[in-house]
């Protein structure tokens, strides 16, 4: 039982970290796209 708990808690932070990186990349790309669109619309 004590062996199962650390195994269960280890992958969760890892996958959460991976999801965070994915979200940061997605939001970053979205921001860049919005900025480019705004610049194109304004020019």
PDB file of N, CA and C in Angstrom:
ATOM      1  N   UNK A   1       0.841  -1.205   0.000  1.00  0.00           N
ATOM      2  CA  UNK A   1       0.000   0.000   0.000  1.00  0.00           C
ATOM      3  C   UNK A   1       0.876   1.255   0.000  1.00  0.00           C
ATOM      4  N   UNK A   2       1.928   1.255   0.840  1.00  0.00           N
ATOM      5  CA  UNK A   2       2.807   2.428   0.887  1.00  0.00           C
ATOM      6  C   UNK A   2       3.538   2.618  -0.440  1.00  0.00           C
ATOM      7  N   UNK A   3       3.791   1.508  -1.141  1.00  0.00           N
ATOM      8  CA  UNK A   3       4.472   1.593  -2.428  1.00  0.00           C
ATOM      9  C   UNK A   3       3.546   2.153  -3.509  1.00  0.00           C
ATOM     10  N   UNK A   4       2.257   1.868  -3.413  1.00  0.00           N
ATOM     11  CA  UNK A   4       1.308   2.300  -4.437  1.00  0.00           C
ATOM     12  C   UNK A   4       1.053   3.800  -4.404  1.00  0.00           C
ATOM     13  N   UNK A   5       1.086   4.404  -3.222  1.00  0.00           N
ATOM     14  CA  UNK A   5       0.774   5.832  -3.110  1.00  0.00           C
ATOM     15  C   UNK A   5       1.809   6.709  -3.825  1.00  0.00           C
ATOM     16  N   UNK A   6       3.115   6.524  -3.577  1.00  0.00           N
ATOM     17  CA  UNK A   6       4.091   7.359  -4.292  1.00  0.00           C
ATOM     18  C   UNK A   6       3.985   7.184  -5.803  1.00  0.00           C
ATOM     19  N   UNK A   7       3.717   5.950  -6.258  1.00  0.00           N
ATOM     20  CA  UNK A   7       3.566   5.714  -7.692  1.00  0.00           C
ATOM     21  C   UNK A   7       2.370   6.478  -8.249  1.00  0.00           C
ATOM     22  N   UNK A   8       1.336   6.609  -7.430  1.00  0.00           N
ATOM     23  CA  UNK A   8       0.129   7.310  -7.890  1.00  0.00           C
ATOM     24  C   UNK A   8       0.329   8.820  -7.920  1.00  0.00           C
ATOM     25  N   UNK A   9       1.085   9.360  -6.958  1.00  0.00           N
ATOM     26  CA  UNK A   9       1.240  10.814  -6.865  1.00  0.00           C
ATOM     27  C   UNK A   9       2.308  11.324  -7.828  1.00  0.00           C
ATOM     28  N   UNK A  10       3.235  10.470  -8.243  1.00  0.00           N
ATOM     29  CA  UNK A  10       4.322  10.933  -9.118  1.00  0.00           C
ATOM     30  C   UNK A  10       3.847  11.314 -10.522  1.00  0.00           C
ATOM     31  N   UNK A  11       3.062  10.485 -11.208  1.00  0.00           N
ATOM     32  CA  UNK A  11       2.675  10.846 -12.577  1.00  0.00           C
ATOM     33  C   UNK A  11       1.749  12.069 -12.634  1.00  0.00           C
ATOM     34  N   UNK A  12       0.967  12.308 -11.585  1.00  0.00           N
ATOM     35  CA  UNK A  12       0.008  13.416 -11.622  1.00  0.00           C
ATOM     36  C   UNK A  12       0.695  14.775 -11.780  1.00  0.00           C
ATOM     37  N   UNK A  13       1.675  15.131 -10.928  1.00  0.00           N
ATOM     38  CA  UNK A  13       2.344  16.428 -11.122  1.00  0.00           C
ATOM     39  C   UNK A  13       3.033  16.496 -12.477  1.00  0.00           C
ATOM     40  N   UNK A  14       3.565  15.343 -12.929  1.00  0.00           N
ATOM     41  CA  UNK A  14       4.286  15.319 -14.205  1.00  0.00           C
ATOM     42  C   UNK A  14       3.335  15.665 -15.346  1.00  0.00           C
ATOM     43  N   UNK A  15       2.170  15.012 -15.383  1.00  0.00           N
ATOM     44  CA  UNK A  15       1.205  15.269 -16.450  1.00  0.00           C
ATOM     45  C   UNK A  15       0.646  16.685 -16.316  1.00  0.00           C
ATOM     46  N   UNK A  16       0.457  17.152 -15.090  1.00  0.00           N
ATOM     47  CA  UNK A  16      -0.038  18.513 -14.874  1.00  0.00           C
ATOM     48  C   UNK A  16       0.981  19.513 -15.413  1.00  0.00           C
ATOM     49  N   UNK A  17       2.264  19.234 -15.198  1.00  0.00           N
ATOM     50  CA  UNK A  17       3.313  20.123 -15.700  1.00  0.00           C
ATOM     51  C   UNK A  17       3.287  20.136 -17.220  1.00  0.00           C
ATOM     52  N   UNK A  18       3.119  18.954 -17.822  1.00  0.00           N
ATOM     53  CA  UNK A  18       3.060  18.870 -19.281  1.00  0.00           C
ATOM     54  C   UNK A  18       1.865  19.636 -19.822  1.00  0.00           C
ATOM     55  N   UNK A  19       0.728  19.523 -19.140  1.00  0.00           N
ATOM     56  CA  UNK A  19      -0.461  20.258 -19.563  1.00  0.00           C
ATOM     57  C   UNK A  19      -0.231  21.753 -19.434  1.00  0.00           C
ATOM     58  N   UNK A  20       0.447  22.168 -18.369  1.00  0.00           N
ATOM     59  CA  UNK A  20       0.735  23.599 -18.180  1.00  0.00           C
ATOM     60  C   UNK A  20       1.590  24.131 -19.315  1.00  0.00           C
ATOM     61  N   UNK A  21       2.619  23.363 -19.701  1.00  0.00           N
ATOM     62  CA  UNK A  21       3.482  23.794 -20.791  1.00  0.00           C
ATOM     63  C   UNK A  21       2.690  23.887 -22.081  1.00  0.00           C
ATOM     64  N   UNK A  22       1.813  22.909 -22.308  1.00  0.00           N
ATOM     65  CA  UNK A  22       0.978  22.921 -23.510  1.00  0.00           C
ATOM     66  C   UNK A  22       0.084  24.158 -23.514  1.00  0.00           C
ATOM     67  N   UNK A  23      -0.529  24.455 -22.371  1.00  0.00           N
ATOM     68  CA  UNK A  23      -1.424  25.610 -22.286  1.00  0.00           C
ATOM     69  C   UNK A  23      -0.657  26.904 -22.523  1.00  0.00           C
ATOM     70  N   UNK A  24       0.551  27.014 -21.929  1.00  0.00           N
ATOM     71  CA  UNK A  24       1.364  28.222 -22.111  1.00  0.00           C
ATOM     72  C   UNK A  24       1.689  28.410 -23.585  1.00  0.00           C
ATOM     73  N   UNK A  25       2.070  27.323 -24.259  1.00  0.00           N
ATOM     74  CA  UNK A  25       2.383  27.408 -25.695  1.00  0.00           C
ATOM     75  C   UNK A  25       1.152  27.824 -26.484  1.00  0.00           C
ATOM     76  N   UNK A  26       0.005  27.206 -26.167  1.00  0.00           N
ATOM     77  CA  UNK A  26      -1.241  27.508 -26.874  1.00  0.00           C
ATOM     78  C   UNK A  26      -1.618  28.976 -26.682  1.00  0.00           C
ATOM     79  N   UNK A  27      -1.571  29.443 -25.431  1.00  0.00           N
ATOM     80  CA  UNK A  27      -1.927  30.836 -25.134  1.00  0.00           C
ATOM     81  C   UNK A  27      -0.941  31.775 -25.818  1.00  0.00           C
ATOM     82  N   UNK A  28       0.339  31.410 -25.806  1.00  0.00           N
ATOM     83  CA  UNK A  28       1.359  32.248 -26.455  1.00  0.00           C
ATOM     84  C   UNK A  28       1.091  32.366 -27.944  1.00  0.00           C
ATOM     85  N   UNK A  29       0.815  31.243 -28.591  1.00  0.00           N
ATOM     86  CA  UNK A  29       0.522  31.269 -30.033  1.00  0.00           C
ATOM     87  C   UNK A  29      -0.740  32.086 -30.302  1.00  0.00           C
ATOM     88  N   UNK A  30      -1.741  31.923 -29.455  1.00  0.00           N
ATOM     89  CA  UNK A  30      -2.983  32.683 -29.615  1.00  0.00           C
ATOM     90  C   UNK A  30      -2.711  34.182 -29.502  1.00  0.00           C
ATOM     91  N   UNK A  31      -1.912  34.563 -28.504  1.00  0.00           N
ATOM     92  CA  UNK A  31      -1.592  35.975 -28.308  1.00  0.00           C
ATOM     93  C   UNK A  31      -0.867  36.535 -29.528  1.00  0.00           C
ATOM     94  N   UNK A  32       0.105  35.777 -30.031  1.00  0.00           N
ATOM     95  CA  UNK A  32       0.855  36.219 -31.215  1.00  0.00           C
ATOM     96  C   UNK A  32      -0.089  36.388 -32.400  1.00  0.00           C
ATOM     97  N   UNK A  33      -0.991  35.430 -32.575  1.00  0.00           N
ATOM     98  CA  UNK A  33      -1.943  35.501 -33.691  1.00  0.00           C
ATOM     99  C   UNK A  33      -2.833  36.736 -33.555  1.00  0.00           C
ATOM    100  N   UNK A  34      -3.320  36.998 -32.337  1.00  0.00           N
ATOM    101  CA  UNK A  34      -4.194  38.148 -32.111  1.00  0.00           C
ATOM    102  C   UNK A  34      -3.439  39.441 -32.390  1.00  0.00           C
ATOM    103  N   UNK A  35      -2.193  39.524 -31.929  1.00  0.00           N
ATOM    104  CA  UNK A  35      -1.383  40.734 -32.151  1.00  0.00           C
ATOM    105  C   UNK A  35      -1.165  40.944 -33.646  1.00  0.00           C
ATOM    106  N   UNK A  36      -0.829  39.871 -34.354  1.00  0.00           N
ATOM    107  CA  UNK A  36      -0.624  39.986 -35.806  1.00  0.00           C
ATOM    108  C   UNK A  36      -1.903  40.438 -36.497  1.00  0.00           C
ATOM    109  N   UNK A  37      -3.031  39.861 -36.114  1.00  0.00           N
ATOM    110  CA  UNK A  37      -4.305  40.248 -36.725  1.00  0.00           C
ATOM    111  C   UNK A  37      -4.604  41.720 -36.461  1.00  0.00           C
ATOM    112  N   UNK A  38      -4.346  42.174 -35.221  1.00  0.00           N
ATOM    113  CA  UNK A  38      -4.593  43.571 -34.869  1.00  0.00           C
ATOM    114  C   UNK A  38      -3.712  44.494 -35.705  1.00  0.00           C
ATOM    115  N   UNK A  39      -2.435  44.127 -35.856  1.00  0.00           N
ATOM    116  CA  UNK A  39      -1.514  44.950 -36.650  1.00  0.00           C
ATOM    117  C   UNK A  39      -1.977  45.014 -38.111  1.00  0.00           C
ATOM    118  N   UNK A  40      -2.415  43.868 -38.642  1.00  0.00           N
ATOM    119  CA  UNK A  40      -2.867  43.835 -40.035  1.00  0.00           C
ATOM    120  C   UNK A  40      -4.137  44.684 -40.193  1.00  0.00           C
ATOM    121  N   UNK A  41      -5.053  44.574 -39.213  1.00  0.00           N
ATOM    122  CA  UNK A  41      -6.306  45.334 -39.297  1.00  0.00           C
ATOM    123  C   UNK A  41      -6.057  46.827 -39.195  1.00  0.00           C
ATOM    124  N   UNK A  42      -5.087  47.219 -38.353  1.00  0.00           N
ATOM    125  CA  UNK A  42      -4.827  48.641 -38.133  1.00  0.00           C
ATOM    126  C   UNK A  42      -4.065  49.268 -39.299  1.00  0.00           C
ATOM    127  N   UNK A  43      -3.241  48.492 -39.981  1.00  0.00           N
ATOM    128  CA  UNK A  43      -2.425  49.075 -41.053  1.00  0.00           C
ATOM    129  C   UNK A  43      -3.243  49.253 -42.333  1.00  0.00           C
TER     130      UNK A  43
END
